[in-house]
Amino acid sequence: MMYVQHMNEAGRALLAALETKDTSAIQASAKQFAQAVEAAWQAYLRGEVATQTRGQALPRTMHQFATVELPAKAADPQAWPAIARETRIFLNMLGVVAG
């Protein structure tokens, strides 16, 4: 559960940084969020994190968003509204997946 809490906190910190519209804060928060998700993913692969879903499709998609797509978009101010929306969806899905 520690991993889930860490992802939730990092995601909320990213949303707060997006509200400030401060590029460096957004990039730093995006990096911390990606690191939290990566740590959870590795724990999931080791069997340390249980999910409420069958298979890896949803966890893999969430991991892809946070570790690949998000870092690529974080420097683009025009992408910030989409990042905020996708991060909120991620956090909602986190409750379903890790429920």
Protein backbone atom coordinates (compact mmCIF):
# COMPACT_ATOMS: atom_id res chain seq x y z
CA MET A 1 0.00 0.00 0.00
CA MET A 2 3.00 2.27 0.48
CA TYR A 3 3.52 2.35 -3.30
CA VAL A 4 -0.09 3.32 -3.95
CA GLN A 5 0.08 6.11 -1.39
CA HIS A 6 3.35 7.38 -2.84
CA MET A 7 1.89 7.45 -6.38
CA ASN A 8 -1.21 9.23 -5.11
CA GLU A 9 0.84 11.87 -3.28
CA ALA A 10 3.18 12.37 -6.25
CA GLY A 11 0.21 12.69 -8.61
CA ARG A 12 -1.45 15.29 -6.40
CA ALA A 13 1.85 17.20 -6.19
CA LEU A 14 2.00 17.19 -9.99
CA LEU A 15 -1.53 18.57 -10.20
CA ALA A 16 -0.60 21.31 -7.73
CA ALA A 17 2.51 22.16 -9.77
CA LEU A 18 0.43 22.33 -12.95
CA GLU A 19 -1.78 24.93 -11.30
CA THR A 20 1.26 27.15 -10.70
CA LYS A 21 2.23 27.03 -14.38
CA ASP A 22 5.88 26.95 -13.28
CA THR A 23 7.82 24.91 -15.83
CA SER A 24 10.59 23.82 -13.48
CA ALA A 25 8.11 22.81 -10.76
CA ILE A 26 6.05 20.86 -13.28
CA GLN A 27 9.07 19.06 -14.66
CA ALA A 28 10.34 18.21 -11.17
CA SER A 29 6.90 16.97 -10.09
CA ALA A 30 6.51 14.96 -13.30
CA LYS A 31 9.88 13.33 -12.63
CA GLN A 32 8.92 12.46 -9.04
CA PHE A 33 5.59 11.07 -10.21
CA ALA A 34 7.29 8.95 -12.87
CA GLN A 35 9.76 7.64 -10.27
CA ALA A 36 6.92 6.73 -7.89
CA VAL A 37 5.09 4.89 -10.65
CA GLU A 38 8.27 3.12 -11.77
CA ALA A 39 8.95 1.94 -8.20
CA ALA A 40 5.38 0.66 -7.93
CA TRP A 41 5.64 -1.06 -11.30
CA GLN A 42 8.82 -2.87 -10.26
CA ALA A 43 7.16 -3.94 -7.00
CA TYR A 44 4.12 -5.10 -9.00
CA LEU A 45 6.34 -7.22 -11.25
CA ARG A 46 7.93 -8.77 -8.15
CA GLY A 47 4.45 -9.62 -6.84
CA GLU A 48 4.60 -7.10 -3.98
CA VAL A 49 1.63 -5.05 -5.20
CA ALA A 50 -1.75 -6.68 -5.76
CA THR A 51 -4.32 -5.31 -8.17
CA GLN A 52 -8.07 -5.66 -8.49
CA THR A 53 -7.82 -6.21 -12.25
CA ARG A 54 -6.92 -9.25 -14.26
CA GLY A 55 -3.80 -9.15 -16.36
CA GLN A 56 -1.30 -6.39 -16.83
CA ALA A 57 -3.01 -4.28 -19.49
CA LEU A 58 -4.30 -1.48 -17.27
CA PRO A 59 -1.27 -1.31 -14.94
CA ARG A 60 1.01 -1.37 -18.01
CA THR A 61 -0.95 1.47 -19.64
CA MET A 62 -0.78 3.53 -16.45
CA HIS A 63 2.97 2.88 -16.23
CA GLN A 64 3.43 3.89 -19.88
CA PHE A 65 1.60 7.18 -19.30
CA ALA A 66 3.60 8.13 -16.22
CA THR A 67 7.07 7.03 -17.32
CA VAL A 68 7.06 7.66 -21.08
CA GLU A 69 4.25 9.98 -22.20
CA LEU A 70 4.21 12.37 -19.25
CA PRO A 71 7.94 13.20 -19.22
CA ALA A 72 7.81 13.87 -22.97
CA LYS A 73 4.92 16.35 -22.53
CA ALA A 74 5.95 18.07 -19.29
CA ALA A 75 8.02 20.77 -20.97
CA ASP A 76 5.20 21.84 -23.31
CA PRO A 77 2.84 24.40 -21.74
CA GLN A 78 0.20 23.60 -24.35
CA ALA A 79 0.15 19.99 -23.11
CA TRP A 80 -0.36 20.92 -19.45
CA PRO A 81 -4.20 20.86 -19.52
CA ALA A 82 -4.07 17.37 -21.05
CA ILE A 83 -1.48 16.27 -18.48
CA ALA A 84 -3.74 17.51 -15.67
CA ARG A 85 -6.74 15.67 -17.11
CA GLU A 86 -4.75 12.47 -17.67
CA THR A 87 -3.22 12.65 -14.18
CA ARG A 88 -6.69 12.99 -12.63
CA ILE A 89 -7.80 9.95 -14.64
CA PHE A 90 -4.68 8.09 -13.49
CA LEU A 91 -5.46 8.85 -9.85
CA ASN A 92 -9.08 7.75 -10.29
CA MET A 93 -7.95 4.53 -11.97
CA LEU A 94 -5.42 3.97 -9.21
CA GLY A 95 -8.32 3.66 -6.81
CA VAL A 96 -9.93 1.05 -9.07
CA VAL A 97 -6.78 -0.93 -9.82
CA ALA A 98 -5.28 -0.91 -6.33
CA GLY A 99 -8.67 -0.56 -4.61
